[in-house]
Amino acid sequence: MWQEILSTLFPNRCIGCETIIPSSQQYLCEICKANLPFTYIPFNDTNIIHNQINNSVKIKFASSLLFFSKENVTRQLIHHLKYKNKPEIGSWLAEIWFMQNEGNPYLKDIKTIIPVPIHPKRYKKRSYNQIMLCCQKLATLLHCNLDEHLLQRVSHTESQTQSSKEKRLKKMKNAFKRNSKSSDHYLLVDDVLTTGATLIACTQELIKTKNSQVSIFTLAATI
């Protein structure tokens, strides 16, 4: 009874268009889900995502699930993921990406999942790292380790959405610290790839240890 009353007062709505959807339906109505702007960029070393990062620091493989723009539904999904306490969206999208790449032999090379860390000040404000549930899901699906403490964010920067790549790279210099000298093939995971400055800074820190390799996955990319 109470569940019915709550459903009436606070109906489950599509993140994309605000249409009321069944409580069993995840995040989007069928129309918005059908219009998700997938990149269909496979996890490999011959795509635009890989090239964007690899031009600055050497990585193994890379992929992004969705195109991100101010006009598409990806923007709303990422906004809810980061600011509306909906980190489970990351888990849902991680599963979609895995299904698209299931059977990809390069995924077998991944040994440890690494989330891009957030600074303690931001964690205190938000109370969660928005990409953590995505990483947990990937670790389960790929049968590999998850290490959320290997990388640490040691400098706090304000939003850099209006900054150029050069300014972002400068601000990101020495922003992360490695807490272990272990070597592995890491899958570094973040929500959105824009200039790539954050991912580049993380990768530079990770490969300071000999024999460490880094691959990249982001839920979305502004390409």
Protein backbone atom coordinates (compact mmCIF):
# COMPACT_ATOMS: atom_id res chain seq x y z
CA MET A 1 0.00 0.00 0.00
CA TRP A 2 2.69 2.49 1.08
CA GLN A 3 4.73 1.56 -1.98
CA GLU A 4 1.78 2.41 -4.20
CA ILE A 5 1.30 5.76 -2.45
CA LEU A 6 5.00 6.61 -2.81
CA SER A 7 4.93 5.60 -6.47
CA THR A 8 2.00 7.93 -7.02
CA LEU A 9 3.60 10.85 -5.17
CA PHE A 10 7.13 10.27 -6.49
CA PRO A 11 6.87 8.37 -9.78
CA ASN A 12 9.95 6.91 -11.45
CA ARG A 13 10.88 9.23 -14.30
CA CYS A 14 13.15 8.88 -17.30
CA ILE A 15 16.40 10.77 -16.76
CA GLY A 16 16.37 11.82 -20.39
CA CYS A 17 12.88 13.18 -20.98
CA GLU A 18 11.10 13.08 -17.58
CA THR A 19 8.46 10.62 -18.84
CA ILE A 20 7.02 8.42 -16.08
CA ILE A 21 8.39 4.89 -16.45
CA PRO A 22 7.74 1.62 -14.57
CA SER A 23 9.64 1.27 -11.29
CA SER A 24 11.30 -1.83 -12.69
CA GLN A 25 12.76 0.09 -15.63
CA GLN A 26 16.29 1.43 -15.32
CA TYR A 27 16.93 5.15 -15.71
CA LEU A 28 15.57 5.71 -19.23
CA CYS A 29 12.35 5.22 -21.15
CA GLU A 30 12.47 2.91 -24.15
CA ILE A 31 12.73 5.83 -26.60
CA CYS A 32 15.68 7.49 -24.81
CA LYS A 33 17.36 4.12 -24.35
CA ALA A 34 17.00 3.41 -28.07
CA ASN A 35 18.61 6.78 -28.81
CA LEU A 36 21.65 6.36 -26.57
CA PRO A 37 24.59 7.76 -28.59
CA PHE A 38 26.94 4.78 -28.48
CA THR A 39 30.40 5.29 -29.96
CA TYR A 40 30.78 1.58 -30.79
CA ILE A 41 34.52 2.18 -30.50
CA PRO A 42 36.06 -1.21 -29.71
CA PHE A 43 38.62 -1.64 -26.96
CA ASN A 44 41.84 -1.60 -29.01
CA ASP A 45 44.85 0.52 -30.01
CA THR A 46 43.65 1.82 -33.38
CA ASN A 47 40.84 4.22 -32.47
CA ILE A 48 40.44 7.95 -31.86
CA ILE A 49 40.23 7.55 -28.06
CA HIS A 50 43.52 5.67 -27.97
CA ASN A 51 45.20 8.17 -30.27
CA GLN A 52 44.07 11.17 -28.22
CA ILE A 53 45.76 9.85 -25.06
CA ASN A 54 48.64 8.02 -26.70
CA ASN A 55 49.88 11.23 -28.33
CA SER A 56 50.79 12.47 -24.83
CA VAL A 57 51.58 9.30 -22.90
CA LYS A 58 51.92 5.70 -24.02
CA ILE A 59 48.93 3.48 -23.31
CA LYS A 60 47.94 0.00 -24.48
CA PHE A 61 44.22 0.10 -25.35
CA ALA A 62 41.29 2.49 -24.97
CA SER A 63 37.55 2.82 -25.46
CA SER A 64 34.58 5.02 -24.55
CA LEU A 65 30.96 3.92 -24.47
CA LEU A 66 28.94 7.05 -25.28
CA PHE A 67 29.30 10.32 -27.13
CA PHE A 68 28.90 13.28 -24.76
CA SER A 69 27.43 16.64 -25.73
CA LYS A 70 25.30 19.31 -24.09
CA GLU A 71 22.34 18.24 -26.22
CA ASN A 72 22.21 14.46 -25.77
CA VAL A 73 20.98 12.13 -23.05
CA THR A 74 24.54 11.23 -22.03
CA ARG A 75 24.83 14.63 -20.36
CA GLN A 76 21.83 13.91 -18.12
CA LEU A 77 23.12 10.44 -17.24
CA ILE A 78 26.54 11.77 -16.25
CA HIS A 79 24.96 14.63 -14.30
CA HIS A 80 22.87 12.19 -12.25
CA LEU A 81 25.88 9.92 -11.83
CA LYS A 82 28.05 12.73 -10.42
CA TYR A 83 25.69 15.12 -8.67
CA LYS A 84 22.40 13.32 -7.97
CA ASN A 85 23.79 10.39 -5.98
CA LYS A 86 23.20 7.87 -8.76
CA PRO A 87 26.57 6.03 -9.00
CA GLU A 88 24.70 2.85 -9.93
CA ILE A 89 24.31 4.35 -13.41
CA GLY A 90 28.03 3.66 -13.83
CA SER A 91 27.51 -0.01 -13.04
CA TRP A 92 24.68 -0.23 -15.57
CA LEU A 93 26.74 1.42 -18.32
CA ALA A 94 29.78 -0.72 -17.52
CA GLU A 95 27.70 -3.82 -18.14
CA ILE A 96 26.51 -2.46 -21.49
CA TRP A 97 30.12 -1.73 -22.54
CA PHE A 98 31.21 -5.20 -21.49
CA MET A 99 28.45 -6.81 -23.54
CA GLN A 100 29.48 -4.76 -26.57
CA ASN A 101 33.10 -5.90 -26.15
CA GLU A 102 32.51 -9.44 -24.90
CA GLY A 103 34.92 -11.74 -26.68
CA ASN A 104 37.44 -8.95 -27.25
CA PRO A 105 40.81 -10.67 -26.59
CA TYR A 106 42.43 -7.46 -25.28
CA LEU A 107 40.16 -7.47 -22.24
CA LYS A 108 41.93 -10.60 -21.03
CA ASP A 109 45.13 -8.57 -20.65
CA ILE A 110 43.63 -6.40 -17.91
CA LYS A 111 44.71 -7.40 -14.41
CA THR A 112 43.61 -4.53 -12.17
CA ILE A 113 40.91 -1.86 -12.37
CA ILE A 114 41.89 1.63 -11.17
CA PRO A 115 39.28 4.39 -10.66
CA VAL A 116 40.43 7.94 -11.26
CA PRO A 117 40.55 9.20 -7.66
CA ILE A 118 38.87 12.35 -6.43
CA HIS A 119 40.35 14.73 -3.87
CA PRO A 120 39.24 14.29 -0.22
CA LYS A 121 37.61 17.74 -0.29
CA ARG A 122 35.43 16.72 -3.23
CA TYR A 123 34.75 13.31 -1.69
CA LYS A 124 33.60 15.00 1.52
CA LYS A 125 31.26 17.25 -0.43
CA ARG A 126 29.87 14.51 -2.69
CA SER A 127 30.27 11.56 -0.24
CA TYR A 128 31.19 9.13 -3.03
CA ASN A 129 33.46 8.63 -6.03
CA GLN A 130 31.02 8.55 -8.93
CA ILE A 131 33.02 5.99 -10.90
CA MET A 132 33.49 3.41 -8.10
CA LEU A 133 30.45 1.22 -8.79
CA CYS A 134 31.40 1.17 -12.46
CA CYS A 135 34.85 -0.13 -11.47
CA GLN A 136 33.40 -2.74 -9.14
CA LYS A 137 31.17 -4.04 -11.91
CA LEU A 138 34.05 -4.17 -14.39
CA ALA A 139 36.25 -6.03 -11.90
CA THR A 140 33.50 -8.64 -11.51
CA LEU A 141 32.83 -8.96 -15.24
CA LEU A 142 36.52 -9.11 -16.19
CA HIS A 143 37.46 -11.39 -13.28
CA CYS A 144 40.26 -9.10 -12.21
CA ASN A 145 41.34 -7.03 -9.21
CA LEU A 146 40.10 -3.62 -8.12
CA ASP A 147 42.55 -1.26 -6.42
CA GLU A 148 40.95 1.99 -5.30
CA HIS A 149 43.97 3.04 -3.22
CA LEU A 150 46.85 2.68 -5.67
CA LEU A 151 46.35 6.22 -6.98
CA GLN A 152 45.72 9.19 -4.70
CA ARG A 153 44.61 12.69 -5.64
CA VAL A 154 46.95 15.05 -3.78
CA SER A 155 45.98 18.43 -5.24
CA HIS A 156 42.52 19.92 -5.50
CA THR A 157 41.46 21.87 -8.58
CA GLU A 158 38.20 23.56 -9.39
CA SER A 159 36.17 22.61 -12.46
CA GLN A 160 38.23 22.88 -15.62
CA THR A 161 35.49 22.57 -18.22
CA GLN A 162 36.38 25.93 -19.76
CA SER A 163 40.16 25.41 -19.72
CA SER A 164 42.29 24.48 -22.70
CA LYS A 165 44.16 21.17 -22.84
CA GLU A 166 47.47 22.93 -22.14
CA LYS A 167 46.07 24.67 -19.04
CA ARG A 168 44.50 21.44 -17.82
CA LEU A 169 47.74 19.52 -18.27
CA LYS A 170 49.61 22.18 -16.32
CA LYS A 171 47.09 22.09 -13.48
CA MET A 172 47.14 18.29 -13.42
CA LYS A 173 50.93 18.05 -13.14
CA ASN A 174 51.78 16.20 -9.93
CA ALA A 175 48.09 16.06 -9.00
CA PHE A 176 48.25 12.31 -8.37
CA LYS A 177 50.50 10.08 -6.29
CA ARG A 178 51.16 6.36 -6.60
CA ASN A 179 50.95 4.52 -3.27
CA SER A 180 52.59 1.29 -4.38
CA LYS A 181 55.48 0.19 -6.58
CA SER A 182 53.67 -2.90 -7.85
CA SER A 183 53.47 -3.38 -11.62
CA ASP A 184 50.49 -4.63 -13.60
CA HIS A 185 48.31 -3.97 -16.62
CA TYR A 186 45.83 -1.44 -15.29
CA LEU A 187 42.48 -0.37 -16.68
CA LEU A 188 42.11 3.27 -15.68
CA VAL A 189 38.44 4.27 -15.54
CA ASP A 190 36.79 7.71 -15.57
CA ASP A 191 33.37 9.16 -16.37
CA VAL A 192 34.05 11.59 -19.24
CA LEU A 193 37.01 12.08 -21.56
CA THR A 194 37.33 15.71 -22.66
CA THR A 195 40.90 16.91 -23.20
CA GLY A 196 42.31 13.80 -21.53
CA ALA A 197 44.45 15.83 -19.10
CA THR A 198 43.32 13.92 -15.99
CA LEU A 199 43.81 10.52 -17.60
CA ILE A 200 47.21 11.56 -18.94
CA ALA A 201 48.34 12.72 -15.48
CA CYS A 202 47.13 9.47 -13.87
CA THR A 203 48.82 7.35 -16.53
CA GLN A 204 52.11 9.22 -16.19
CA GLU A 205 52.10 8.42 -12.49
CA LEU A 206 51.13 4.77 -12.97
CA ILE A 207 53.85 3.99 -15.52
CA LYS A 208 56.60 5.40 -13.31
CA THR A 209 56.86 1.84 -12.04
CA LYS A 210 58.74 -0.41 -14.44
CA ASN A 211 56.66 -2.92 -16.44
CA SER A 212 53.39 -1.15 -15.66
CA GLN A 213 50.95 -0.79 -18.54
CA VAL A 214 47.79 1.32 -18.69
CA SER A 215 44.63 1.04 -20.74
CA ILE A 216 41.73 3.50 -20.63
CA PHE A 217 37.95 3.22 -20.39
CA THR A 218 35.53 6.12 -19.99
CA LEU A 219 31.77 6.05 -19.88
CA ALA A 220 31.62 8.96 -22.31
CA ALA A 221 33.80 11.12 -24.55
CA THR A 222 33.43 14.56 -26.12
CA ILE A 223 34.61 13.56 -29.58
